[in-house]
């Protein structure tokens, strides 16, 4: 009888403890959902950038830029392959803290003429020691965008001299209609 009485006391105490624990957990969970954590824009910027450069299709002939509007990300730029565009949008949407993605990336038209210019521009710009260092790494820091024979250089270089050399070399490629140098120092 004594053992049964002690077991009953233990069961009641355990039930009360479990009830109290679940009530505290429920209160904590509701408090966590009602308080909004402010979005750390610097952290969000870092994670969006990382998601974009990890896109396996993103390369030297693509240019993807983005702008943060709170938790909304607006993607812009130009890509050669449609899969690069769709993968960029999907990758950014998976970033914690992003609530909406506006995809304004342009897929460049398929053109053998432009493909020939891309290869020639790559050789002209990155051959030699001066600008060759910009071609290293997963995503080169100079991007060559070719659209209907018009070339645009995007990205970053270390100094004004490198920007000028890239422009001069890009202008030396035959069959190019125009070259726009948007390289910035940084």
C-alpha atoms as a PDB file:
ATOM      1  CA  UNK A   1       0.000   0.000   0.000  1.00  0.00           C
ATOM      2  CA  UNK A   2       2.817   2.375   0.907  1.00  0.00           C
ATOM      3  CA  UNK A   3       4.554   1.686  -2.420  1.00  0.00           C
ATOM      4  CA  UNK A   4       1.347   2.325  -4.346  1.00  0.00           C
ATOM      5  CA  UNK A   5       0.843   5.625  -2.471  1.00  0.00           C
ATOM      6  CA  UNK A   6       4.430   6.754  -3.260  1.00  0.00           C
ATOM      7  CA  UNK A   7       4.030   5.795  -6.946  1.00  0.00           C
ATOM      8  CA  UNK A   8       0.805   7.808  -7.137  1.00  0.00           C
ATOM      9  CA  UNK A   9       2.558  10.855  -5.578  1.00  0.00           C
ATOM     10  CA  UNK A  10       5.443  10.462  -8.032  1.00  0.00           C
ATOM     11  CA  UNK A  11       3.070  10.222 -11.009  1.00  0.00           C
ATOM     12  CA  UNK A  12       1.189  13.353  -9.916  1.00  0.00           C
ATOM     13  CA  UNK A  13       4.420  15.283  -9.427  1.00  0.00           C
ATOM     14  CA  UNK A  14       5.721  14.147 -12.835  1.00  0.00           C
ATOM     15  CA  UNK A  15       2.462  15.151 -14.523  1.00  0.00           C
ATOM     16  CA  UNK A  16       2.549  18.575 -12.858  1.00  0.00           C
ATOM     17  CA  UNK A  17       6.178  19.081 -13.876  1.00  0.00           C
ATOM     18  CA  UNK A  18       5.430  18.054 -17.494  1.00  0.00           C
ATOM     19  CA  UNK A  19       2.428  20.398 -17.608  1.00  0.00           C
ATOM     20  CA  UNK A  20       4.473  23.295 -16.229  1.00  0.00           C
ATOM     21  CA  UNK A  21       7.304  22.632 -18.694  1.00  0.00           C
ATOM     22  CA  UNK A  22       4.950  22.517 -21.675  1.00  0.00           C
ATOM     23  CA  UNK A  23       3.220  25.735 -20.560  1.00  0.00           C
ATOM     24  CA  UNK A  24       6.561  27.535 -20.219  1.00  0.00           C
ATOM     25  CA  UNK A  25       7.628  26.205 -23.661  1.00  0.00           C
ATOM     26  CA  UNK A  26       4.360  27.325 -25.238  1.00  0.00           C
ATOM     27  CA  UNK A  27       4.670  30.770 -23.674  1.00  0.00           C
ATOM     28  CA  UNK A  28       8.279  31.075 -24.911  1.00  0.00           C
ATOM     29  CA  UNK A  29       7.307  29.997 -28.416  1.00  0.00           C
ATOM     30  CA  UNK A  30       4.453  32.498 -28.616  1.00  0.00           C
ATOM     31  CA  UNK A  31       6.687  35.263 -27.302  1.00  0.00           C
ATOM     32  CA  UNK A  32       9.302  34.416 -29.923  1.00  0.00           C
ATOM     33  CA  UNK A  33       6.793  34.592 -32.762  1.00  0.00           C
ATOM     34  CA  UNK A  34       5.313  37.885 -31.652  1.00  0.00           C
ATOM     35  CA  UNK A  35       8.634  39.742 -31.401  1.00  0.00           C
ATOM     36  CA  UNK A  36      10.081  40.609 -34.784  1.00  0.00           C
ATOM     37  CA  UNK A  37      13.833  40.262 -35.122  1.00  0.00           C
ATOM     38  CA  UNK A  38      15.145  43.187 -37.134  1.00  0.00           C
ATOM     39  CA  UNK A  39      16.811  42.119 -40.380  1.00  0.00           C
ATOM     40  CA  UNK A  40      20.567  42.629 -40.303  1.00  0.00           C
ATOM     41  CA  UNK A  41      21.071  44.207 -43.728  1.00  0.00           C
ATOM     42  CA  UNK A  42      24.821  43.620 -43.721  1.00  0.00           C
ATOM     43  CA  UNK A  43      24.368  39.915 -42.976  1.00  0.00           C
ATOM     44  CA  UNK A  44      21.577  39.607 -45.542  1.00  0.00           C
ATOM     45  CA  UNK A  45      23.766  41.335 -48.156  1.00  0.00           C
ATOM     46  CA  UNK A  46      26.604  38.899 -47.437  1.00  0.00           C
ATOM     47  CA  UNK A  47      24.354  35.830 -47.720  1.00  0.00           C
ATOM     48  CA  UNK A  48      22.688  37.010 -50.950  1.00  0.00           C
ATOM     49  CA  UNK A  49      26.092  37.703 -52.515  1.00  0.00           C
ATOM     50  CA  UNK A  50      27.313  34.267 -51.454  1.00  0.00           C
ATOM     51  CA  UNK A  51      24.217  32.561 -52.876  1.00  0.00           C
ATOM     52  CA  UNK A  52      24.745  34.265 -56.238  1.00  0.00           C
ATOM     53  CA  UNK A  53      28.463  33.549 -56.641  1.00  0.00           C
ATOM     54  CA  UNK A  54      27.911  29.901 -55.677  1.00  0.00           C
ATOM     55  CA  UNK A  55      25.640  29.452 -58.712  1.00  0.00           C
ATOM     56  CA  UNK A  56      27.521  26.811 -60.758  1.00  0.00           C
ATOM     57  CA  UNK A  57      26.478  28.397 -64.073  1.00  0.00           C
ATOM     58  CA  UNK A  58      27.592  31.943 -63.176  1.00  0.00           C
ATOM     59  CA  UNK A  59      30.753  32.891 -65.042  1.00  0.00           C
ATOM     60  CA  UNK A  60      32.844  35.477 -66.803  1.00  0.00           C
ATOM     61  CA  UNK A  61      30.233  36.113 -69.530  1.00  0.00           C
ATOM     62  CA  UNK A  62      27.428  36.788 -67.018  1.00  0.00           C
ATOM     63  CA  UNK A  63      26.725  39.812 -64.856  1.00  0.00           C
ATOM     64  CA  UNK A  64      24.300  39.555 -61.942  1.00  0.00           C
ATOM     65  CA  UNK A  65      23.703  42.495 -59.650  1.00  0.00           C
ATOM     66  CA  UNK A  66      21.188  42.943 -56.853  1.00  0.00           C
ATOM     67  CA  UNK A  67      19.638  45.582 -54.665  1.00  0.00           C
ATOM     68  CA  UNK A  68      18.171  45.069 -51.204  1.00  0.00           C
ATOM     69  CA  UNK A  69      14.892  46.793 -50.344  1.00  0.00           C
ATOM     70  CA  UNK A  70      14.443  45.627 -46.776  1.00  0.00           C
ATOM     71  CA  UNK A  71      13.863  41.883 -47.130  1.00  0.00           C
ATOM     72  CA  UNK A  72      13.069  42.123 -50.861  1.00  0.00           C
ATOM     73  CA  UNK A  73      15.891  41.429 -53.331  1.00  0.00           C
ATOM     74  CA  UNK A  74      15.804  42.874 -56.864  1.00  0.00           C
ATOM     75  CA  UNK A  75      18.043  40.981 -59.303  1.00  0.00           C
ATOM     76  CA  UNK A  76      19.333  42.681 -62.465  1.00  0.00           C
ATOM     77  CA  UNK A  77      21.989  41.992 -65.062  1.00  0.00           C
ATOM     78  CA  UNK A  78      22.587  39.798 -68.083  1.00  0.00           C
ATOM     79  CA  UNK A  79      23.282  36.076 -68.401  1.00  0.00           C
ATOM     80  CA  UNK A  80      24.062  33.779 -71.325  1.00  0.00           C
ATOM     81  CA  UNK A  81      22.051  30.747 -70.127  1.00  0.00           C
ATOM     82  CA  UNK A  82      18.434  30.731 -68.905  1.00  0.00           C
ATOM     83  CA  UNK A  83      19.385  28.257 -66.165  1.00  0.00           C
ATOM     84  CA  UNK A  84      21.718  30.868 -64.660  1.00  0.00           C
ATOM     85  CA  UNK A  85      18.770  33.240 -64.284  1.00  0.00           C
ATOM     86  CA  UNK A  86      16.429  30.672 -62.731  1.00  0.00           C
ATOM     87  CA  UNK A  87      19.104  29.248 -60.407  1.00  0.00           C
ATOM     88  CA  UNK A  88      20.005  32.752 -59.195  1.00  0.00           C
ATOM     89  CA  UNK A  89      16.389  33.477 -58.278  1.00  0.00           C
ATOM     90  CA  UNK A  90      15.981  30.123 -56.508  1.00  0.00           C
ATOM     91  CA  UNK A  91      19.254  30.512 -54.585  1.00  0.00           C
ATOM     92  CA  UNK A  92      18.370  34.001 -53.335  1.00  0.00           C
ATOM     93  CA  UNK A  93      14.860  32.907 -52.352  1.00  0.00           C
ATOM     94  CA  UNK A  94      16.408  30.254 -50.075  1.00  0.00           C
ATOM     95  CA  UNK A  95      18.459  32.855 -48.157  1.00  0.00           C
ATOM     96  CA  UNK A  96      17.149  33.221 -44.618  1.00  0.00           C
ATOM     97  CA  UNK A  97      15.479  36.598 -44.202  1.00  0.00           C
ATOM     98  CA  UNK A  98      14.584  37.112 -47.876  1.00  0.00           C
ATOM     99  CA  UNK A  99      10.816  37.432 -48.287  1.00  0.00           C
ATOM    100  CA  UNK A 100      10.558  38.275 -51.992  1.00  0.00           C
ATOM    101  CA  UNK A 101      12.749  38.158 -55.101  1.00  0.00           C
ATOM    102  CA  UNK A 102      12.103  40.343 -58.162  1.00  0.00           C
ATOM    103  CA  UNK A 103      13.987  38.800 -61.081  1.00  0.00           C
ATOM    104  CA  UNK A 104      14.841  41.417 -63.724  1.00  0.00           C
ATOM    105  CA  UNK A 105      17.808  39.485 -65.145  1.00  0.00           C
ATOM    106  CA  UNK A 106      17.988  39.519 -68.952  1.00  0.00           C
ATOM    107  CA  UNK A 107      18.881  36.344 -70.841  1.00  0.00           C
ATOM    108  CA  UNK A 108      21.103  37.345 -73.762  1.00  0.00           C
ATOM    109  CA  UNK A 109      20.047  36.169 -77.246  1.00  0.00           C
ATOM    110  CA  UNK A 110      21.667  33.024 -78.652  1.00  0.00           C
ATOM    111  CA  UNK A 111      24.231  34.094 -81.241  1.00  0.00           C
ATOM    112  CA  UNK A 112      27.275  32.363 -82.752  1.00  0.00           C
ATOM    113  CA  UNK A 113      28.582  35.807 -83.658  1.00  0.00           C
ATOM    114  CA  UNK A 114      28.432  36.901 -80.010  1.00  0.00           C
ATOM    115  CA  UNK A 115      30.012  33.604 -78.880  1.00  0.00           C
ATOM    116  CA  UNK A 116      32.982  34.243 -81.189  1.00  0.00           C
ATOM    117  CA  UNK A 117      33.362  37.743 -79.764  1.00  0.00           C
ATOM    118  CA  UNK A 118      33.167  36.383 -76.196  1.00  0.00           C
ATOM    119  CA  UNK A 119      36.038  33.976 -76.832  1.00  0.00           C
ATOM    120  CA  UNK A 120      38.115  36.654 -78.591  1.00  0.00           C
ATOM    121  CA  UNK A 121      37.473  39.189 -75.808  1.00  0.00           C
ATOM    122  CA  UNK A 122      38.440  36.654 -73.152  1.00  0.00           C
ATOM    123  CA  UNK A 123      41.756  35.934 -74.902  1.00  0.00           C
ATOM    124  CA  UNK A 124      42.461  39.613 -75.561  1.00  0.00           C
ATOM    125  CA  UNK A 125      41.702  40.819 -72.030  1.00  0.00           C
ATOM    126  CA  UNK A 126      43.107  38.015 -69.903  1.00  0.00           C
ATOM    127  CA  UNK A 127      46.204  37.048 -71.919  1.00  0.00           C
ATOM    128  CA  UNK A 128      49.335  38.413 -70.350  1.00  0.00           C
ATOM    129  CA  UNK A 129      50.339  39.043 -66.763  1.00  0.00           C
ATOM    130  CA  UNK A 130      48.714  42.453 -66.306  1.00  0.00           C
ATOM    131  CA  UNK A 131      45.052  41.386 -66.395  1.00  0.00           C
ATOM    132  CA  UNK A 132      45.534  37.615 -66.208  1.00  0.00           C
ATOM    133  CA  UNK A 133      45.215  37.724 -62.415  1.00  0.00           C
ATOM    134  CA  UNK A 134      41.598  38.902 -62.794  1.00  0.00           C
ATOM    135  CA  UNK A 135      40.657  35.646 -64.556  1.00  0.00           C
ATOM    136  CA  UNK A 136      41.546  33.464 -61.570  1.00  0.00           C
ATOM    137  CA  UNK A 137      39.089  32.242 -59.002  1.00  0.00           C
ATOM    138  CA  UNK A 138      35.635  30.744 -59.257  1.00  0.00           C
ATOM    139  CA  UNK A 139      34.015  33.946 -60.507  1.00  0.00           C
ATOM    140  CA  UNK A 140      36.446  36.349 -62.234  1.00  0.00           C
ATOM    141  CA  UNK A 141      36.237  39.971 -61.140  1.00  0.00           C
ATOM    142  CA  UNK A 142      35.971  41.227 -64.747  1.00  0.00           C
ATOM    143  CA  UNK A 143      32.823  40.176 -66.600  1.00  0.00           C
ATOM    144  CA  UNK A 144      32.524  40.392 -70.388  1.00  0.00           C
ATOM    145  CA  UNK A 145      28.954  40.963 -71.564  1.00  0.00           C
ATOM    146  CA  UNK A 146      28.363  40.658 -75.316  1.00  0.00           C
ATOM    147  CA  UNK A 147      24.978  41.557 -76.774  1.00  0.00           C
ATOM    148  CA  UNK A 148      24.586  41.780 -80.558  1.00  0.00           C
ATOM    149  CA  UNK A 149      28.237  42.677 -81.087  1.00  0.00           C
ATOM    150  CA  UNK A 150      28.289  45.306 -78.320  1.00  0.00           C
ATOM    151  CA  UNK A 151      30.659  44.620 -75.432  1.00  0.00           C
ATOM    152  CA  UNK A 152      30.245  45.820 -71.860  1.00  0.00           C
ATOM    153  CA  UNK A 153      32.927  45.282 -69.228  1.00  0.00           C
ATOM    154  CA  UNK A 154      31.515  44.927 -65.698  1.00  0.00           C
ATOM    155  CA  UNK A 155      33.170  44.273 -62.358  1.00  0.00           C
ATOM    156  CA  UNK A 156      36.063  45.581 -60.342  1.00  0.00           C
ATOM    157  CA  UNK A 157      39.761  46.134 -60.895  1.00  0.00           C
ATOM    158  CA  UNK A 158      42.508  47.322 -58.553  1.00  0.00           C
ATOM    159  CA  UNK A 159      43.393  50.586 -60.287  1.00  0.00           C
ATOM    160  CA  UNK A 160      42.592  52.932 -63.158  1.00  0.00           C
ATOM    161  CA  UNK A 161      45.483  51.597 -65.235  1.00  0.00           C
ATOM    162  CA  UNK A 162      43.974  48.071 -65.262  1.00  0.00           C
ATOM    163  CA  UNK A 163      40.596  49.512 -66.265  1.00  0.00           C
ATOM    164  CA  UNK A 164      42.204  51.404 -69.156  1.00  0.00           C
ATOM    165  CA  UNK A 165      44.152  48.351 -70.332  1.00  0.00           C
ATOM    166  CA  UNK A 166      40.970  46.235 -70.284  1.00  0.00           C
ATOM    167  CA  UNK A 167      39.142  48.857 -72.372  1.00  0.00           C
ATOM    168  CA  UNK A 168      41.992  49.134 -74.876  1.00  0.00           C
ATOM    169  CA  UNK A 169      42.260  45.361 -75.280  1.00  0.00           C
ATOM    170  CA  UNK A 170      38.479  44.986 -75.629  1.00  0.00           C
ATOM    171  CA  UNK A 171      38.471  47.617 -78.398  1.00  0.00           C
ATOM    172  CA  UNK A 172      41.149  45.698 -80.328  1.00  0.00           C
ATOM    173  CA  UNK A 173      38.889  42.689 -80.968  1.00  0.00           C
ATOM    174  CA  UNK A 174      37.611  42.630 -84.574  1.00  0.00           C
ATOM    175  CA  UNK A 175      33.881  42.768 -85.398  1.00  0.00           C
ATOM    176  CA  UNK A 176      32.956  44.563 -82.154  1.00  0.00           C
ATOM    177  CA  UNK A 177      30.531  47.454 -82.663  1.00  0.00           C
ATOM    178  CA  UNK A 178      31.136  49.211 -79.331  1.00  0.00           C
ATOM    179  CA  UNK A 179      32.811  48.777 -75.953  1.00  0.00           C
ATOM    180  CA  UNK A 180      31.392  50.201 -72.732  1.00  0.00           C
ATOM    181  CA  UNK A 181      33.732  50.133 -69.768  1.00  0.00           C
ATOM    182  CA  UNK A 182      31.777  49.944 -66.482  1.00  0.00           C
ATOM    183  CA  UNK A 183      34.713  48.616 -64.471  1.00  0.00           C
ATOM    184  CA  UNK A 184      35.053  50.298 -61.108  1.00  0.00           C
ATOM    185  CA  UNK A 185      38.074  50.618 -58.853  1.00  0.00           C
ATOM    186  CA  UNK A 186      37.742  48.614 -55.683  1.00  0.00           C
END
